[in-house]
Protein backbone atom coordinates (compact mmCIF):
# COMPACT_ATOMS: atom_id res chain seq x y z
CA MET A 1 -22.07 -9.84 -176.49
CA SER A 2 -21.75 -7.40 -173.62
CA ARG A 3 -22.71 -4.55 -175.97
CA LEU A 4 -26.10 -6.23 -176.31
CA GLY A 5 -26.45 -6.56 -172.54
CA LEU A 6 -26.02 -10.35 -172.63
CA THR A 7 -23.56 -10.61 -169.79
CA ASN A 8 -24.52 -13.92 -168.16
CA ILE A 9 -25.24 -17.41 -169.42
CA TYR A 10 -28.96 -17.19 -168.65
CA LEU A 11 -29.41 -14.21 -170.95
CA LYS A 12 -27.36 -15.77 -173.75
CA SER A 13 -29.13 -19.13 -173.65
CA GLY A 14 -32.51 -17.42 -173.25
CA VAL A 15 -32.00 -15.38 -176.41
CA LEU A 16 -30.81 -18.46 -178.32
CA LEU A 17 -33.88 -20.44 -177.25
CA ILE A 18 -36.20 -17.57 -178.17
CA LEU A 19 -34.59 -17.41 -181.62
CA PHE A 20 -34.90 -21.20 -181.96
CA GLY A 21 -38.58 -21.02 -181.04
CA LEU A 22 -39.21 -18.24 -183.54
CA ALA A 23 -37.37 -20.16 -186.26
CA CYS A 24 -39.52 -23.24 -185.57
CA ALA A 25 -42.66 -21.10 -185.61
CA ALA A 26 -41.69 -19.56 -188.94
CA SER A 27 -40.89 -22.92 -190.45
CA ILE A 28 -44.30 -24.28 -189.40
CA PHE A 29 -45.93 -21.96 -191.92
CA ILE A 30 -43.48 -23.03 -194.61
CA VAL A 31 -43.69 -26.79 -193.97
CA MET A 32 -47.32 -27.26 -192.92
CA PRO A 33 -48.96 -26.82 -196.34
CA ARG A 34 -46.65 -29.41 -197.92
CA MET A 35 -46.21 -31.83 -195.03
CA GLY A 36 -48.48 -32.64 -192.19
CA GLY A 37 -48.58 -34.83 -189.18
CA ALA A 38 -45.39 -35.57 -187.33
CA VAL A 39 -43.15 -32.90 -188.86
CA SER A 40 -45.48 -30.05 -188.06
CA GLN A 41 -46.12 -31.48 -184.58
CA VAL A 42 -42.40 -31.57 -183.80
CA LEU A 43 -42.00 -28.01 -185.09
CA LEU A 44 -44.96 -26.90 -182.99
CA TRP A 45 -43.43 -28.40 -179.86
CA GLY A 46 -40.07 -26.86 -180.74
CA ALA A 47 -41.65 -23.45 -181.23
CA ALA A 48 -43.66 -23.49 -178.02
CA GLY A 49 -40.97 -25.11 -175.89
CA GLY A 50 -38.12 -23.04 -177.26
CA PHE A 51 -39.91 -19.73 -176.96
CA LEU A 52 -41.38 -20.26 -173.49
CA SER A 53 -38.22 -21.72 -171.99
CA GLY A 54 -36.21 -18.93 -173.61
CA VAL A 55 -38.44 -16.29 -172.06
CA ALA A 56 -38.13 -17.97 -168.66
CA LEU A 57 -34.32 -18.12 -168.88
CA TYR A 58 -34.14 -14.54 -170.09
CA VAL A 59 -36.22 -13.32 -167.14
CA ILE A 60 -34.06 -15.34 -164.73
CA GLY A 61 -30.97 -13.79 -166.31
CA ARG A 62 -32.31 -10.26 -165.91
CA ILE A 63 -33.18 -10.95 -162.27
CA ALA A 64 -29.68 -12.34 -161.65
CA GLN A 65 -28.17 -9.30 -163.36
CA PHE A 66 -30.24 -6.92 -161.23
CA LEU A 67 -29.39 -8.73 -158.00
CA GLY A 68 -25.70 -8.73 -158.93
CA GLN A 69 -25.75 -4.97 -159.53
CA PHE A 70 -27.76 -4.43 -156.36
CA GLY A 71 -25.23 -6.42 -154.33
CA ARG A 72 -22.27 -4.54 -155.80
CA THR A 73 -23.77 -1.10 -155.11
CA ARG A 74 -24.72 -2.13 -151.60
CA SER A 75 -21.22 -3.42 -150.79
CA GLN A 76 -19.65 -0.17 -152.03
CA ALA A 77 -21.77 1.96 -149.72
């Protein structure tokens, strides 16, 4: 995972939630023509919630990674 730059838990969980949101969004187009109502509504909430919370966690993870590197370089100087 460190080869991908996913070094902290925020980055890992953010990427997983983004992938979950994209999977829900893709399945909306598969399920919606055949089923309607509650199933598509749950998938819509899963897509929006998963993607947006994943983006937020990913950004928090990148900020934490930057601050960690900034603190390490500052302590070495």
